[in-house]
PDB file of N, CA and C in Angstrom:
ATOM      1  N   MET A   1       8.439  -7.940  33.039  1.00  0.00           N
ATOM      2  CA  MET A   1       8.753  -8.847  31.950  1.00  0.00           C
ATOM      3  C   MET A   1       9.144 -10.210  32.536  1.00  0.00           C
ATOM      4  N   ALA A   2       8.741 -11.240  31.877  1.00  0.00           N
ATOM      5  CA  ALA A   2       9.009 -12.595  32.343  1.00  0.00           C
ATOM      6  C   ALA A   2      10.513 -12.860  32.373  1.00  0.00           C
ATOM      7  N   LYS A   3      10.933 -13.589  33.379  1.00  0.00           N
ATOM      8  CA  LYS A   3      12.349 -13.946  33.497  1.00  0.00           C
ATOM      9  C   LYS A   3      12.710 -14.938  32.395  1.00  0.00           C
ATOM     10  N   ARG A   4      13.794 -14.700  31.738  1.00  0.00           N
ATOM     11  CA  ARG A   4      14.205 -15.549  30.618  1.00  0.00           C
ATOM     12  C   ARG A   4      15.272 -16.540  31.055  1.00  0.00           C
ATOM     13  N   LYS A   5      15.220 -17.711  30.456  1.00  0.00           N
ATOM     14  CA  LYS A   5      16.299 -18.678  30.639  1.00  0.00           C
ATOM     15  C   LYS A   5      17.468 -18.211  29.767  1.00  0.00           C
ATOM     16  N   ASN A   6      18.536 -18.916  29.799  1.00  0.00           N
ATOM     17  CA  ASN A   6      19.683 -18.551  28.989  1.00  0.00           C
ATOM     18  C   ASN A   6      19.563 -19.037  27.558  1.00  0.00           C
ATOM     19  N   ASP A   7      18.337 -19.108  27.046  1.00  0.00           N
ATOM     20  CA  ASP A   7      18.135 -19.505  25.653  1.00  0.00           C
ATOM     21  C   ASP A   7      18.558 -18.372  24.742  1.00  0.00           C
ATOM     22  N   ASN A   8      19.169 -18.720  23.643  1.00  0.00           N
ATOM     23  CA  ASN A   8      19.484 -17.713  22.641  1.00  0.00           C
ATOM     24  C   ASN A   8      18.256 -17.506  21.774  1.00  0.00           C
ATOM     25  N   ILE A   9      17.783 -16.263  21.716  1.00  0.00           N
ATOM     26  CA  ILE A   9      16.648 -15.980  20.842  1.00  0.00           C
ATOM     27  C   ILE A   9      17.093 -14.917  19.842  1.00  0.00           C
ATOM     28  N   PRO A  10      16.526 -14.958  18.650  1.00  0.00           N
ATOM     29  CA  PRO A  10      16.908 -13.963  17.648  1.00  0.00           C
ATOM     30  C   PRO A  10      16.580 -12.543  18.125  1.00  0.00           C
ATOM     31  N   LEU A  11      17.382 -11.594  17.710  1.00  0.00           N
ATOM     32  CA  LEU A  11      17.177 -10.200  18.079  1.00  0.00           C
ATOM     33  C   LEU A  11      15.802  -9.714  17.656  1.00  0.00           C
ATOM     34  N   SER A  12      15.365 -10.105  16.451  1.00  0.00           N
ATOM     35  CA  SER A  12      14.057  -9.652  15.967  1.00  0.00           C
ATOM     36  C   SER A  12      12.941 -10.107  16.905  1.00  0.00           C
ATOM     37  N   GLU A  13      13.073 -11.330  17.428  1.00  0.00           N
ATOM     38  CA  GLU A  13      12.076 -11.857  18.356  1.00  0.00           C
ATOM     39  C   GLU A  13      12.107 -11.077  19.675  1.00  0.00           C
ATOM     40  N   ALA A  14      13.303 -10.777  20.145  1.00  0.00           N
ATOM     41  CA  ALA A  14      13.456 -10.010  21.384  1.00  0.00           C
ATOM     42  C   ALA A  14      12.845  -8.619  21.228  1.00  0.00           C
ATOM     43  N   LEU A  15      13.087  -7.986  20.085  1.00  0.00           N
ATOM     44  CA  LEU A  15      12.531  -6.656  19.837  1.00  0.00           C
ATOM     45  C   LEU A  15      11.005  -6.690  19.758  1.00  0.00           C
ATOM     46  N   GLN A  16      10.466  -7.714  19.088  1.00  0.00           N
ATOM     47  CA  GLN A  16       9.006  -7.841  19.001  1.00  0.00           C
ATOM     48  C   GLN A  16       8.397  -7.997  20.386  1.00  0.00           C
ATOM     49  N   GLU A  17       9.033  -8.789  21.225  1.00  0.00           N
ATOM     50  CA  GLU A  17       8.555  -8.985  22.601  1.00  0.00           C
ATOM     51  C   GLU A  17       8.610  -7.672  23.376  1.00  0.00           C
ATOM     52  N   PHE A  18       9.712  -6.942  23.239  1.00  0.00           N
ATOM     53  CA  PHE A  18       9.874  -5.645  23.903  1.00  0.00           C
ATOM     54  C   PHE A  18       8.789  -4.667  23.449  1.00  0.00           C
ATOM     55  N   ILE A  19       8.539  -4.629  22.151  1.00  0.00           N
ATOM     56  CA  ILE A  19       7.523  -3.732  21.587  1.00  0.00           C
ATOM     57  C   ILE A  19       6.142  -4.091  22.144  1.00  0.00           C
ATOM     58  N   LYS A  20       5.848  -5.403  22.195  1.00  0.00           N
ATOM     59  CA  LYS A  20       4.547  -5.860  22.671  1.00  0.00           C
ATOM     60  C   LYS A  20       4.361  -5.529  24.154  1.00  0.00           C
ATOM     61  N   VAL A  21       5.357  -5.863  24.960  1.00  0.00           N
ATOM     62  CA  VAL A  21       5.282  -5.655  26.402  1.00  0.00           C
ATOM     63  C   VAL A  21       5.131  -4.165  26.720  1.00  0.00           C
ATOM     64  N   ASN A  22       5.803  -3.330  25.986  1.00  0.00           N
ATOM     65  CA  ASN A  22       5.783  -1.888  26.253  1.00  0.00           C
ATOM     66  C   ASN A  22       4.732  -1.136  25.434  1.00  0.00           C
ATOM     67  N   LYS A  23       3.862  -1.869  24.761  1.00  0.00           N
ATOM     68  CA  LYS A  23       2.752  -1.290  23.986  1.00  0.00           C
ATOM     69  C   LYS A  23       3.225  -0.219  22.995  1.00  0.00           C
ATOM     70  N   LEU A  24       4.289  -0.540  22.251  1.00  0.00           N
ATOM     71  CA  LEU A  24       4.860   0.405  21.290  1.00  0.00           C
ATOM     72  C   LEU A  24       4.414   0.115  19.853  1.00  0.00           C
ATOM     73  N   GLN A  25       3.619  -0.946  19.648  1.00  0.00           N
ATOM     74  CA  GLN A  25       3.272  -1.364  18.288  1.00  0.00           C
ATOM     75  C   GLN A  25       2.577  -0.251  17.508  1.00  0.00           C
ATOM     76  N   ASN A  26       1.692   0.483  18.183  1.00  0.00           N
ATOM     77  CA  ASN A  26       0.962   1.557  17.520  1.00  0.00           C
ATOM     78  C   ASN A  26       1.920   2.589  16.927  1.00  0.00           C
ATOM     79  N   GLY A  27       2.929   2.981  17.693  1.00  0.00           N
ATOM     80  CA  GLY A  27       3.924   3.939  17.212  1.00  0.00           C
ATOM     81  C   GLY A  27       4.754   3.371  16.074  1.00  0.00           C
ATOM     82  N   MET A  28       5.097   2.089  16.188  1.00  0.00           N
ATOM     83  CA  MET A  28       5.865   1.436  15.128  1.00  0.00           C
ATOM     84  C   MET A  28       5.054   1.380  13.844  1.00  0.00           C
ATOM     85  N   ASP A  29       3.757   1.073  13.964  1.00  0.00           N
ATOM     86  CA  ASP A  29       2.887   1.016  12.790  1.00  0.00           C
ATOM     87  C   ASP A  29       2.847   2.372  12.085  1.00  0.00           C
ATOM     88  N   LYS A  30       2.804   3.453  12.861  1.00  0.00           N
ATOM     89  CA  LYS A  30       2.751   4.801  12.277  1.00  0.00           C
ATOM     90  C   LYS A  30       4.023   5.106  11.485  1.00  0.00           C
ATOM     91  N   VAL A  31       5.161   4.694  12.023  1.00  0.00           N
ATOM     92  CA  VAL A  31       6.436   4.886  11.322  1.00  0.00           C
ATOM     93  C   VAL A  31       6.478   4.006  10.075  1.00  0.00           C
ATOM     94  N   ASN A  32       6.076   2.750  10.222  1.00  0.00           N
ATOM     95  CA  ASN A  32       6.115   1.804   9.106  1.00  0.00           C
ATOM     96  C   ASN A  32       5.204   2.223   7.965  1.00  0.00           C
ATOM     97  N   VAL A  33       4.048   2.794   8.285  1.00  0.00           N
ATOM     98  CA  VAL A  33       3.118   3.200   7.236  1.00  0.00           C
ATOM     99  C   VAL A  33       3.692   4.388   6.451  1.00  0.00           C
ATOM    100  N   ARG A  34       4.408   5.278   7.119  1.00  0.00           N
ATOM    101  CA  ARG A  34       5.072   6.398   6.428  1.00  0.00           C
ATOM    102  C   ARG A  34       6.132   5.877   5.465  1.00  0.00           C
ATOM    103  N   GLU A  35       6.908   4.898   5.939  1.00  0.00           N
ATOM    104  CA  GLU A  35       7.946   4.304   5.096  1.00  0.00           C
ATOM    105  C   GLU A  35       7.328   3.578   3.903  1.00  0.00           C
ATOM    106  N   ALA A  36       6.230   2.876   4.148  1.00  0.00           N
ATOM    107  CA  ALA A  36       5.545   2.141   3.076  1.00  0.00           C
ATOM    108  C   ALA A  36       5.053   3.119   2.010  1.00  0.00           C
ATOM    109  N   TRP A  37       4.470   4.242   2.437  1.00  0.00           N
ATOM    110  CA  TRP A  37       3.986   5.264   1.490  1.00  0.00           C
ATOM    111  C   TRP A  37       5.156   5.776   0.651  1.00  0.00           C
ATOM    112  N   ALA A  38       6.250   6.119   1.320  1.00  0.00           N
ATOM    113  CA  ALA A  38       7.426   6.657   0.630  1.00  0.00           C
ATOM    114  C   ALA A  38       7.975   5.650  -0.379  1.00  0.00           C
ATOM    115  N   ASN A  39       8.073   4.392   0.020  1.00  0.00           N
ATOM    116  CA  ASN A  39       8.601   3.344  -0.870  1.00  0.00           C
ATOM    117  C   ASN A  39       7.702   3.116  -2.076  1.00  0.00           C
ATOM    118  N   LEU A  40       6.404   3.072  -1.838  1.00  0.00           N
ATOM    119  CA  LEU A  40       5.461   2.737  -2.909  1.00  0.00           C
ATOM    120  C   LEU A  40       5.214   3.894  -3.872  1.00  0.00           C
ATOM    121  N   MET A  41       5.190   5.103  -3.360  1.00  0.00           N
ATOM    122  CA  MET A  41       4.797   6.252  -4.178  1.00  0.00           C
ATOM    123  C   MET A  41       5.955   6.869  -4.956  1.00  0.00           C
ATOM    124  N   GLY A  42       7.164   6.700  -4.477  1.00  0.00           N
ATOM    125  CA  GLY A  42       8.311   7.261  -5.183  1.00  0.00           C
ATOM    126  C   GLY A  42       8.427   8.767  -5.024  1.00  0.00           C
ATOM    127  N   ASN A  43       9.507   9.325  -5.569  1.00  0.00           N
ATOM    128  CA  ASN A  43       9.809  10.753  -5.390  1.00  0.00           C
ATOM    129  C   ASN A  43       8.749  11.677  -5.954  1.00  0.00           C
ATOM    130  N   GLY A  44       8.167  11.303  -7.087  1.00  0.00           N
ATOM    131  CA  GLY A  44       7.162  12.171  -7.705  1.00  0.00           C
ATOM    132  C   GLY A  44       6.045  12.536  -6.755  1.00  0.00           C
ATOM    133  N   VAL A  45       5.478  11.535  -6.092  1.00  0.00           N
ATOM    134  CA  VAL A  45       4.381  11.768  -5.154  1.00  0.00           C
ATOM    135  C   VAL A  45       4.911  12.294  -3.822  1.00  0.00           C
ATOM    136  N   ASN A  46       6.047  11.777  -3.372  1.00  0.00           N
ATOM    137  CA  ASN A  46       6.591  12.192  -2.081  1.00  0.00           C
ATOM    138  C   ASN A  46       6.927  13.676  -2.034  1.00  0.00           C
ATOM    139  N   ASN A  47       7.317  14.248  -3.167  1.00  0.00           N
ATOM    140  CA  ASN A  47       7.612  15.681  -3.213  1.00  0.00           C
ATOM    141  C   ASN A  47       6.379  16.526  -2.910  1.00  0.00           C
ATOM    142  N   TYR A  48       5.189  15.973  -3.163  1.00  0.00           N
ATOM    143  CA  TYR A  48       3.939  16.702  -2.916  1.00  0.00           C
ATOM    144  C   TYR A  48       3.223  16.233  -1.652  1.00  0.00           C
ATOM    145  N   THR A  49       3.812  15.283  -0.937  1.00  0.00           N
ATOM    146  CA  THR A  49       3.206  14.776   0.293  1.00  0.00           C
ATOM    147  C   THR A  49       3.672  15.643   1.457  1.00  0.00           C
ATOM    148  N   THR A  50       2.715  16.296   2.126  1.00  0.00           N
ATOM    149  CA  THR A  50       3.084  17.190   3.229  1.00  0.00           C
ATOM    150  C   THR A  50       2.948  16.521   4.596  1.00  0.00           C
ATOM    151  N   SER A  51       2.019  15.573   4.732  1.00  0.00           N
ATOM    152  CA  SER A  51       1.936  14.826   5.991  1.00  0.00           C
ATOM    153  C   SER A  51       1.218  13.498   5.790  1.00  0.00           C
ATOM    154  N   ILE A  52       1.586  12.540   6.644  1.00  0.00           N
ATOM    155  CA  ILE A  52       0.989  11.207   6.630  1.00  0.00           C
ATOM    156  C   ILE A  52       0.683  10.866   8.075  1.00  0.00           C
ATOM    157  N   GLU A  53      -0.581  10.522   8.331  1.00  0.00           N
ATOM    158  CA  GLU A  53      -0.967  10.206   9.701  1.00  0.00           C
ATOM    159  C   GLU A  53      -1.893   9.002   9.710  1.00  0.00           C
ATOM    160  N   LEU A  54      -1.592   8.034  10.556  1.00  0.00           N
ATOM    161  CA  LEU A  54      -2.429   6.853  10.724  1.00  0.00           C
ATOM    162  C   LEU A  54      -3.209   7.016  12.018  1.00  0.00           C
ATOM    163  N   ARG A  55      -4.544   7.065  11.900  1.00  0.00           N
ATOM    164  CA  ARG A  55      -5.412   7.127  13.081  1.00  0.00           C
ATOM    165  C   ARG A  55      -6.396   5.983  12.989  1.00  0.00           C
ATOM    166  N   ASN A  56      -6.386   5.125  14.007  1.00  0.00           N
ATOM    167  CA  ASN A  56      -7.171   3.890  13.989  1.00  0.00           C
ATOM    168  C   ASN A  56      -6.811   3.119  12.726  1.00  0.00           C
ATOM    169  N   GLU A  57      -7.744   2.886  11.841  1.00  0.00           N
ATOM    170  CA  GLU A  57      -7.420   2.144  10.616  1.00  0.00           C
ATOM    171  C   GLU A  57      -7.520   3.044   9.390  1.00  0.00           C
ATOM    172  N   THR A  58      -7.465   4.358   9.619  1.00  0.00           N
ATOM    173  CA  THR A  58      -7.569   5.330   8.528  1.00  0.00           C
ATOM    174  C   THR A  58      -6.235   6.031   8.324  1.00  0.00           C
ATOM    175  N   LEU A  59      -5.787   6.055   7.071  1.00  0.00           N
ATOM    176  CA  LEU A  59      -4.553   6.745   6.714  1.00  0.00           C
ATOM    177  C   LEU A  59      -4.916   8.095   6.104  1.00  0.00           C
ATOM    178  N   PHE A  60      -4.476   9.168   6.750  1.00  0.00           N
ATOM    179  CA  PHE A  60      -4.704  10.524   6.265  1.00  0.00           C
ATOM    180  C   PHE A  60      -3.428  11.013   5.589  1.00  0.00           C
ATOM    181  N   VAL A  61      -3.539  11.383   4.321  1.00  0.00           N
ATOM    182  CA  VAL A  61      -2.385  11.864   3.577  1.00  0.00           C
ATOM    183  C   VAL A  61      -2.695  13.264   3.052  1.00  0.00           C
ATOM    184  N   SER A  62      -1.869  14.219   3.420  1.00  0.00           N
ATOM    185  CA  SER A  62      -2.024  15.588   2.922  1.00  0.00           C
ATOM    186  C   SER A  62      -1.082  15.792   1.742  1.00  0.00           C
ATOM    187  N   LEU A  63      -1.657  16.311   0.662  1.00  0.00           N
ATOM    188  CA  LEU A  63      -0.887  16.545  -0.561  1.00  0.00           C
ATOM    189  C   LEU A  63      -0.977  18.023  -0.926  1.00  0.00           C
ATOM    190  N   SER A  64       0.109  18.568  -1.436  1.00  0.00           N
ATOM    191  CA  SER A  64       0.127  19.986  -1.799  1.00  0.00           C
ATOM    192  C   SER A  64      -0.352  20.215  -3.233  1.00  0.00           C
ATOM    193  N   SER A  65      -0.690  19.158  -3.958  1.00  0.00           N
ATOM    194  CA  SER A  65      -1.151  19.285  -5.337  1.00  0.00           C
ATOM    195  C   SER A  65      -2.573  18.745  -5.469  1.00  0.00           C
ATOM    196  N   SER A  66      -3.501  19.612  -5.845  1.00  0.00           N
ATOM    197  CA  SER A  66      -4.895  19.180  -6.016  1.00  0.00           C
ATOM    198  C   SER A  66      -5.027  18.240  -7.209  1.00  0.00           C
ATOM    199  N   VAL A  67      -4.199  18.442  -8.222  1.00  0.00           N
ATOM    200  CA  VAL A  67      -4.230  17.574  -9.405  1.00  0.00           C
ATOM    201  C   VAL A  67      -3.800  16.154  -9.011  1.00  0.00           C
ATOM    202  N   LEU A  68      -2.723  16.047  -8.247  1.00  0.00           N
ATOM    203  CA  LEU A  68      -2.241  14.754  -7.784  1.00  0.00           C
ATOM    204  C   LEU A  68      -3.265  14.092  -6.862  1.00  0.00           C
ATOM    205  N   ARG A  69      -3.866  14.882  -5.972  1.00  0.00           N
ATOM    206  CA  ARG A  69      -4.884  14.365  -5.056  1.00  0.00           C
ATOM    207  C   ARG A  69      -6.026  13.738  -5.845  1.00  0.00           C
ATOM    208  N   GLU A  70      -6.477  14.426  -6.878  1.00  0.00           N
ATOM    209  CA  GLU A  70      -7.556  13.927  -7.736  1.00  0.00           C
ATOM    210  C   GLU A  70      -7.130  12.639  -8.430  1.00  0.00           C
ATOM    211  N   GLU A  71      -5.917  12.633  -8.946  1.00  0.00           N
ATOM    212  CA  GLU A  71      -5.391  11.465  -9.661  1.00  0.00           C
ATOM    213  C   GLU A  71      -5.304  10.249  -8.740  1.00  0.00           C
ATOM    214  N   LEU A  72      -4.772  10.429  -7.530  1.00  0.00           N
ATOM    215  CA  LEU A  72      -4.623   9.325  -6.586  1.00  0.00           C
ATOM    216  C   LEU A  72      -5.966   8.843  -6.047  1.00  0.00           C
ATOM    217  N   SER A  73      -6.949   9.736  -5.987  1.00  0.00           N
ATOM    218  CA  SER A  73      -8.255   9.355  -5.439  1.00  0.00           C
ATOM    219  C   SER A  73      -8.929   8.266  -6.270  1.00  0.00           C
ATOM    220  N   HIS A  74      -8.566   8.164  -7.537  1.00  0.00           N
ATOM    221  CA  HIS A  74      -9.139   7.133  -8.403  1.00  0.00           C
ATOM    222  C   HIS A  74      -8.611   5.737  -8.075  1.00  0.00           C
ATOM    223  N   GLY A  75      -7.473   5.665  -7.408  1.00  0.00           N
ATOM    224  CA  GLY A  75      -6.865   4.366  -7.111  1.00  0.00           C
ATOM    225  C   GLY A  75      -6.738   4.079  -5.628  1.00  0.00           C
ATOM    226  N   LYS A  76      -7.642   4.648  -4.810  1.00  0.00           N
ATOM    227  CA  LYS A  76      -7.548   4.487  -3.350  1.00  0.00           C
ATOM    228  C   LYS A  76      -7.484   3.028  -2.905  1.00  0.00           C
ATOM    229  N   SER A  77      -8.375   2.192  -3.425  1.00  0.00           N
ATOM    230  CA  SER A  77      -8.408   0.796  -2.960  1.00  0.00           C
ATOM    231  C   SER A  77      -7.117   0.072  -3.330  1.00  0.00           C
ATOM    232  N   LYS A  78      -6.570   0.379  -4.495  1.00  0.00           N
ATOM    233  CA  LYS A  78      -5.297  -0.215  -4.938  1.00  0.00           C
ATOM    234  C   LYS A  78      -4.162   0.234  -4.008  1.00  0.00           C
ATOM    235  N   ILE A  79      -4.151   1.521  -3.657  1.00  0.00           N
ATOM    236  CA  ILE A  79      -3.121   2.067  -2.765  1.00  0.00           C
ATOM    237  C   ILE A  79      -3.203   1.389  -1.394  1.00  0.00           C
ATOM    238  N   ILE A  80      -4.421   1.227  -0.867  1.00  0.00           N
ATOM    239  CA  ILE A  80      -4.614   0.567   0.429  1.00  0.00           C
ATOM    240  C   ILE A  80      -4.064  -0.860   0.381  1.00  0.00           C
ATOM    241  N   THR A  81      -4.400  -1.578  -0.689  1.00  0.00           N
ATOM    242  CA  THR A  81      -3.916  -2.955  -0.854  1.00  0.00           C
ATOM    243  C   THR A  81      -2.398  -2.997  -0.889  1.00  0.00           C
ATOM    244  N   LEU A  82      -1.780  -2.110  -1.673  1.00  0.00           N
ATOM    245  CA  LEU A  82      -0.316  -2.081  -1.791  1.00  0.00           C
ATOM    246  C   LEU A  82       0.358  -1.764  -0.456  1.00  0.00           C
ATOM    247  N   ILE A  83      -0.192  -0.805   0.287  1.00  0.00           N
ATOM    248  CA  ILE A  83       0.395  -0.433   1.574  1.00  0.00           C
ATOM    249  C   ILE A  83       0.295  -1.602   2.555  1.00  0.00           C
ATOM    250  N   ASN A  84      -0.873  -2.252   2.611  1.00  0.00           N
ATOM    251  CA  ASN A  84      -1.040  -3.389   3.519  1.00  0.00           C
ATOM    252  C   ASN A  84      -0.113  -4.543   3.143  1.00  0.00           C
ATOM    253  N   GLU A  85       0.085  -4.757   1.841  1.00  0.00           N
ATOM    254  CA  GLU A  85       1.021  -5.799   1.396  1.00  0.00           C
ATOM    255  C   GLU A  85       2.441  -5.450   1.812  1.00  0.00           C
ATOM    256  N   GLU A  86       2.808  -4.187   1.661  1.00  0.00           N
ATOM    257  CA  GLU A  86       4.145  -3.719   2.043  1.00  0.00           C
ATOM    258  C   GLU A  86       4.370  -3.900   3.546  1.00  0.00           C
ATOM    259  N   LEU A  87       3.321  -3.661   4.343  1.00  0.00           N
ATOM    260  CA  LEU A  87       3.416  -3.786   5.794  1.00  0.00           C
ATOM    261  C   LEU A  87       3.301  -5.229   6.269  1.00  0.00           C
ATOM    262  N   GLY A  88       2.744  -6.078   5.416  1.00  0.00           N
ATOM    263  CA  GLY A  88       2.576  -7.482   5.794  1.00  0.00           C
ATOM    264  C   GLY A  88       1.407  -7.737   6.716  1.00  0.00           C
ATOM    265  N   LYS A  89       0.506  -6.748   6.841  1.00  0.00           N
ATOM    266  CA  LYS A  89      -0.705  -6.944   7.660  1.00  0.00           C
ATOM    267  C   LYS A  89      -1.763  -5.912   7.275  1.00  0.00           C
ATOM    268  N   GLU A  90      -3.013  -6.250   7.603  1.00  0.00           N
ATOM    269  CA  GLU A  90      -4.141  -5.370   7.285  1.00  0.00           C
ATOM    270  C   GLU A  90      -4.188  -4.240   8.310  1.00  0.00           C
ATOM    271  N   LEU A  91      -3.480  -3.167   8.039  1.00  0.00           N
ATOM    272  CA  LEU A  91      -3.407  -2.059   8.976  1.00  0.00           C
ATOM    273  C   LEU A  91      -4.287  -0.899   8.538  1.00  0.00           C
ATOM    274  N   VAL A  92      -4.353  -0.679   7.222  1.00  0.00           N
ATOM    275  CA  VAL A  92      -5.096   0.451   6.680  1.00  0.00           C
ATOM    276  C   VAL A  92      -6.393  -0.065   6.038  1.00  0.00           C
ATOM    277  N   LYS A  93      -7.511   0.482   6.503  1.00  0.00           N
ATOM    278  CA  LYS A  93      -8.814   0.098   5.926  1.00  0.00           C
ATOM    279  C   LYS A  93      -9.382   1.233   5.057  1.00  0.00           C
ATOM    280  N   LYS A  94      -8.967   2.464   5.364  1.00  0.00           N
ATOM    281  CA  LYS A  94      -9.514   3.623   4.658  1.00  0.00           C
ATOM    282  C   LYS A  94      -8.396   4.628   4.387  1.00  0.00           C
ATOM    283  N   LEU A  95      -8.478   5.278   3.227  1.00  0.00           N
ATOM    284  CA  LEU A  95      -7.491   6.292   2.839  1.00  0.00           C
ATOM    285  C   LEU A  95      -8.199   7.609   2.600  1.00  0.00           C
ATOM    286  N   VAL A  96      -7.746   8.650   3.292  1.00  0.00           N
ATOM    287  CA  VAL A  96      -8.310   9.989   3.117  1.00  0.00           C
ATOM    288  C   VAL A  96      -7.206  10.885   2.561  1.00  0.00           C
ATOM    289  N   LEU A  97      -7.444  11.405   1.357  1.00  0.00           N
ATOM    290  CA  LEU A  97      -6.490  12.319   0.724  1.00  0.00           C
ATOM    291  C   LEU A  97      -6.992  13.741   0.937  1.00  0.00           C
ATOM    292  N   ARG A  98      -6.123  14.603   1.427  1.00  0.00           N
ATOM    293  CA  ARG A  98      -6.557  15.978   1.640  1.00  0.00           C
ATOM    294  C   ARG A  98      -5.488  16.969   1.282  1.00  0.00           C
TER     295      ARG A  98
END
């Protein structure tokens, strides 16, 4: 890591630099996408969500309710847009409900 002067930098900036240098962004994105799903979908959907996995630009969500899976499949593009807005970046390009 580059030697720093005695400049005061915000903690958020220091953490972002640490994440970048240590190549942790991918792991952070996976955690953030789970949080985004939980925040956006609420308890009703979260109670039926069994797993959430981000691989490349595809979000895989396992649901224990086939009725809910069918219902959510009609709004996939809207869900992708909402999740990316919540994350503040285009992270999810495809949503697979299973």
